[in-house]
Amino acid sequence: MCSLSSARLGPVEWITGGLLSTAVALTMVGPLIAALLIRRSGAGRTDPTAPLILLILAITVAIAAALTMFAIARRRRRSGSS
């Protein structure tokens, strides 16, 4: 029996993680667009730049994580190890 520390993830697991990370990023895009449209229309009197910056940062990190997972899956698939 393998211990958890020595278990290696195969390409399928990395692709699944990449797809989930992509889904997370896409679900955050809708609220970001809505917030930007509200801000552009002038309805928001306060200046909520910090939450918008944090949301943009979260989307960027999720997309970068997804791309990294896809690259690892591609490398693992080429090397033939699972």
N, C-alpha and C. Protein backbone atom coordinates (compact mmCIF):
# COMPACT_ATOMS: atom_id res chain seq x y z
N MET A 1 0.84 -1.18 0.00
CA MET A 1 0.00 0.00 0.00
C MET A 1 0.88 1.25 0.00
N CYS A 2 0.55 2.20 -0.86
CA CYS A 2 1.32 3.44 -0.97
C CYS A 2 0.90 4.43 0.10
N SER A 3 1.86 5.14 0.61
CA SER A 3 1.51 6.22 1.53
C SER A 3 1.12 7.45 0.71
N LEU A 4 0.43 8.36 1.33
CA LEU A 4 -0.02 9.55 0.61
C LEU A 4 1.13 10.42 0.15
N SER A 5 2.23 10.41 0.89
CA SER A 5 3.35 11.26 0.52
C SER A 5 4.09 10.72 -0.70
N SER A 6 4.00 9.43 -0.96
CA SER A 6 4.71 8.88 -2.11
C SER A 6 3.80 8.69 -3.32
N ALA A 7 2.51 8.95 -3.19
CA ALA A 7 1.58 8.80 -4.31
C ALA A 7 1.78 9.95 -5.29
N ARG A 8 1.82 9.60 -6.56
CA ARG A 8 1.96 10.62 -7.61
C ARG A 8 0.65 10.74 -8.36
N LEU A 9 0.31 11.96 -8.69
CA LEU A 9 -0.91 12.19 -9.44
C LEU A 9 -0.65 11.92 -10.92
N GLY A 10 -1.60 11.29 -11.57
CA GLY A 10 -1.49 11.02 -13.00
C GLY A 10 -2.03 12.19 -13.82
N PRO A 11 -1.93 12.08 -15.13
CA PRO A 11 -2.39 13.17 -16.01
C PRO A 11 -3.88 13.46 -15.86
N VAL A 12 -4.68 12.42 -15.62
CA VAL A 12 -6.12 12.64 -15.50
C VAL A 12 -6.43 13.52 -14.29
N GLU A 13 -5.76 13.28 -13.20
CA GLU A 13 -5.99 14.08 -12.00
C GLU A 13 -5.56 15.53 -12.21
N TRP A 14 -4.44 15.73 -12.90
CA TRP A 14 -3.98 17.10 -13.17
C TRP A 14 -4.94 17.82 -14.11
N ILE A 15 -5.46 17.13 -15.12
CA ILE A 15 -6.41 17.75 -16.04
C ILE A 15 -7.70 18.09 -15.30
N THR A 16 -8.15 17.19 -14.42
CA THR A 16 -9.35 17.47 -13.63
C THR A 16 -9.14 18.70 -12.76
N GLY A 17 -8.01 18.81 -12.12
CA GLY A 17 -7.71 20.00 -11.33
C GLY A 17 -7.68 21.26 -12.17
N GLY A 18 -7.11 21.16 -13.36
CA GLY A 18 -7.07 22.31 -14.26
C GLY A 18 -8.46 22.74 -14.71
N LEU A 19 -9.32 21.77 -14.98
CA LEU A 19 -10.69 22.10 -15.37
C LEU A 19 -11.46 22.74 -14.22
N LEU A 20 -11.26 22.22 -13.02
CA LEU A 20 -11.94 22.82 -11.86
C LEU A 20 -11.44 24.23 -11.60
N SER A 21 -10.15 24.45 -11.75
CA SER A 21 -9.60 25.79 -11.55
C SER A 21 -10.11 26.75 -12.62
N THR A 22 -10.26 26.26 -13.84
CA THR A 22 -10.82 27.08 -14.91
C THR A 22 -12.28 27.43 -14.61
N ALA A 23 -13.04 26.46 -14.10
CA ALA A 23 -14.43 26.71 -13.75
C ALA A 23 -14.53 27.76 -12.65
N VAL A 24 -13.64 27.69 -11.68
CA VAL A 24 -13.64 28.69 -10.60
C VAL A 24 -13.37 30.08 -11.17
N ALA A 25 -12.40 30.17 -12.06
CA ALA A 25 -12.08 31.48 -12.66
C ALA A 25 -13.27 32.02 -13.45
N LEU A 26 -13.94 31.15 -14.19
CA LEU A 26 -15.07 31.60 -15.00
C LEU A 26 -16.26 32.03 -14.13
N THR A 27 -16.44 31.39 -12.98
CA THR A 27 -17.55 31.80 -12.12
C THR A 27 -17.28 33.15 -11.47
N MET A 28 -16.02 33.54 -11.37
CA MET A 28 -15.71 34.85 -10.79
C MET A 28 -15.77 35.97 -11.82
N VAL A 29 -15.79 35.64 -13.10
CA VAL A 29 -15.80 36.67 -14.14
C VAL A 29 -17.14 37.41 -14.16
N GLY A 30 -18.24 36.68 -13.94
CA GLY A 30 -19.56 37.31 -13.96
C GLY A 30 -19.71 38.43 -12.94
N PRO A 31 -19.42 38.14 -11.66
CA PRO A 31 -19.50 39.23 -10.67
C PRO A 31 -18.53 40.38 -10.95
N LEU A 32 -17.37 40.07 -11.52
CA LEU A 32 -16.42 41.12 -11.86
C LEU A 32 -17.00 42.04 -12.93
N ILE A 33 -17.59 41.46 -13.96
CA ILE A 33 -18.19 42.27 -15.03
C ILE A 33 -19.34 43.11 -14.48
N ALA A 34 -20.16 42.49 -13.62
CA ALA A 34 -21.28 43.24 -13.03
C ALA A 34 -20.77 44.41 -12.19
N ALA A 35 -19.74 44.17 -11.39
CA ALA A 35 -19.20 45.25 -10.56
C ALA A 35 -18.60 46.36 -11.41
N LEU A 36 -17.93 45.98 -12.49
CA LEU A 36 -17.36 47.01 -13.36
C LEU A 36 -18.43 47.82 -14.07
N LEU A 37 -19.52 47.16 -14.48
CA LEU A 37 -20.61 47.89 -15.13
C LEU A 37 -21.32 48.82 -14.14
N ILE A 38 -21.51 48.36 -12.91
CA ILE A 38 -22.13 49.21 -11.89
C ILE A 38 -21.25 50.42 -11.62
N ARG A 39 -19.96 50.17 -11.52
CA ARG A 39 -19.03 51.27 -11.25
C ARG A 39 -18.99 52.26 -12.41
N ARG A 40 -19.04 51.73 -13.64
CA ARG A 40 -18.99 52.59 -14.81
C ARG A 40 -20.24 53.45 -14.93
N SER A 41 -21.38 52.90 -14.52
CA SER A 41 -22.63 53.66 -14.63
C SER A 41 -22.72 54.77 -13.59
N GLY A 42 -21.85 54.72 -12.59
CA GLY A 42 -21.85 55.76 -11.58
C GLY A 42 -22.79 55.47 -10.42
N ALA A 43 -23.36 54.27 -10.39
CA ALA A 43 -24.29 53.93 -9.31
C ALA A 43 -23.58 53.75 -7.98
N GLY A 44 -22.35 53.27 -8.04
CA GLY A 44 -21.59 53.08 -6.80
C GLY A 44 -20.96 54.37 -6.36
N ARG A 45 -21.42 54.93 -5.25
CA ARG A 45 -20.88 56.21 -4.79
C ARG A 45 -19.52 56.03 -4.11
N THR A 46 -19.35 54.90 -3.44
CA THR A 46 -18.07 54.68 -2.77
C THR A 46 -17.05 54.16 -3.79
N ASP A 47 -15.82 54.11 -3.38
CA ASP A 47 -14.75 53.68 -4.28
C ASP A 47 -14.27 52.28 -3.88
N PRO A 48 -14.91 51.23 -4.42
CA PRO A 48 -14.54 49.86 -4.01
C PRO A 48 -13.42 49.27 -4.87
N THR A 49 -12.30 49.95 -4.91
CA THR A 49 -11.22 49.45 -5.75
C THR A 49 -10.54 48.24 -5.15
N ALA A 50 -10.41 48.15 -3.85
CA ALA A 50 -9.71 47.02 -3.22
C ALA A 50 -10.40 45.69 -3.52
N PRO A 51 -11.74 45.58 -3.38
CA PRO A 51 -12.37 44.30 -3.73
C PRO A 51 -12.23 43.94 -5.21
N LEU A 52 -12.29 44.94 -6.07
CA LEU A 52 -12.12 44.67 -7.50
C LEU A 52 -10.71 44.18 -7.80
N ILE A 53 -9.74 44.79 -7.18
CA ILE A 53 -8.35 44.37 -7.39
C ILE A 53 -8.15 42.95 -6.87
N LEU A 54 -8.72 42.65 -5.71
CA LEU A 54 -8.60 41.30 -5.16
C LEU A 54 -9.29 40.27 -6.04
N LEU A 55 -10.44 40.63 -6.60
CA LEU A 55 -11.15 39.71 -7.49
C LEU A 55 -10.36 39.47 -8.77
N ILE A 56 -9.79 40.51 -9.33
CA ILE A 56 -8.96 40.35 -10.52
C ILE A 56 -7.73 39.49 -10.21
N LEU A 57 -7.15 39.69 -9.05
CA LEU A 57 -6.01 38.87 -8.63
C LEU A 57 -6.41 37.40 -8.46
N ALA A 58 -7.58 37.16 -7.88
CA ALA A 58 -8.05 35.78 -7.69
C ALA A 58 -8.29 35.09 -9.03
N ILE A 59 -8.85 35.81 -9.97
CA ILE A 59 -9.09 35.24 -11.31
C ILE A 59 -7.76 34.93 -11.98
N THR A 60 -6.80 35.83 -11.87
CA THR A 60 -5.48 35.61 -12.47
C THR A 60 -4.79 34.40 -11.86
N VAL A 61 -4.87 34.25 -10.55
CA VAL A 61 -4.24 33.11 -9.88
C VAL A 61 -4.91 31.81 -10.30
N ALA A 62 -6.24 31.81 -10.41
CA ALA A 62 -6.95 30.59 -10.81
C ALA A 62 -6.60 30.19 -12.24
N ILE A 63 -6.49 31.15 -13.13
CA ILE A 63 -6.12 30.84 -14.51
C ILE A 63 -4.68 30.35 -14.59
N ALA A 64 -3.79 30.99 -13.84
CA ALA A 64 -2.39 30.55 -13.83
C ALA A 64 -2.27 29.14 -13.26
N ALA A 65 -3.03 28.84 -12.23
CA ALA A 65 -3.01 27.49 -11.66
C ALA A 65 -3.53 26.47 -12.66
N ALA A 66 -4.59 26.82 -13.37
CA ALA A 66 -5.14 25.91 -14.38
C ALA A 66 -4.12 25.64 -15.48
N LEU A 67 -3.48 26.69 -15.97
CA LEU A 67 -2.49 26.50 -17.03
C LEU A 67 -1.31 25.66 -16.55
N THR A 68 -0.91 25.86 -15.31
CA THR A 68 0.18 25.06 -14.75
C THR A 68 -0.22 23.60 -14.64
N MET A 69 -1.44 23.35 -14.19
CA MET A 69 -1.91 21.96 -14.09
C MET A 69 -1.99 21.30 -15.45
N PHE A 70 -2.44 22.02 -16.46
CA PHE A 70 -2.49 21.46 -17.81
C PHE A 70 -1.08 21.15 -18.33
N ALA A 71 -0.13 22.03 -18.03
CA ALA A 71 1.26 21.80 -18.47
C ALA A 71 1.85 20.58 -17.78
N ILE A 72 1.58 20.42 -16.49
CA ILE A 72 2.09 19.25 -15.76
C ILE A 72 1.46 17.98 -16.31
N ALA A 73 0.15 18.02 -16.61
CA ALA A 73 -0.52 16.85 -17.17
C ALA A 73 0.06 16.48 -18.53
N ARG A 74 0.37 17.48 -19.33
CA ARG A 74 0.96 17.21 -20.64
C ARG A 74 2.35 16.58 -20.50
N ARG A 75 3.13 17.08 -19.56
CA ARG A 75 4.47 16.53 -19.34
C ARG A 75 4.38 15.09 -18.81
N ARG A 76 3.46 14.85 -17.90
CA ARG A 76 3.30 13.50 -17.35
C ARG A 76 2.79 12.54 -18.40
N ARG A 77 1.95 13.01 -19.28
CA ARG A 77 1.42 12.14 -20.34
C ARG A 77 2.52 11.77 -21.33
N ARG A 78 3.38 12.74 -21.63
CA ARG A 78 4.49 12.46 -22.55
C ARG A 78 5.50 11.49 -21.96
N SER A 79 5.76 11.64 -20.66
CA SER A 79 6.76 10.75 -20.03
C SER A 79 6.19 9.36 -19.79
N GLY A 80 4.85 9.22 -19.84
CA GLY A 80 4.26 7.90 -19.71
C GLY A 80 4.08 7.43 -18.29
N SER A 81 4.43 8.25 -17.30
CA SER A 81 4.24 7.85 -15.91
C SER A 81 2.89 8.31 -15.43
N SER A 82 2.29 7.52 -14.56
CA SER A 82 0.97 7.91 -14.06
C SER A 82 0.93 7.96 -12.57
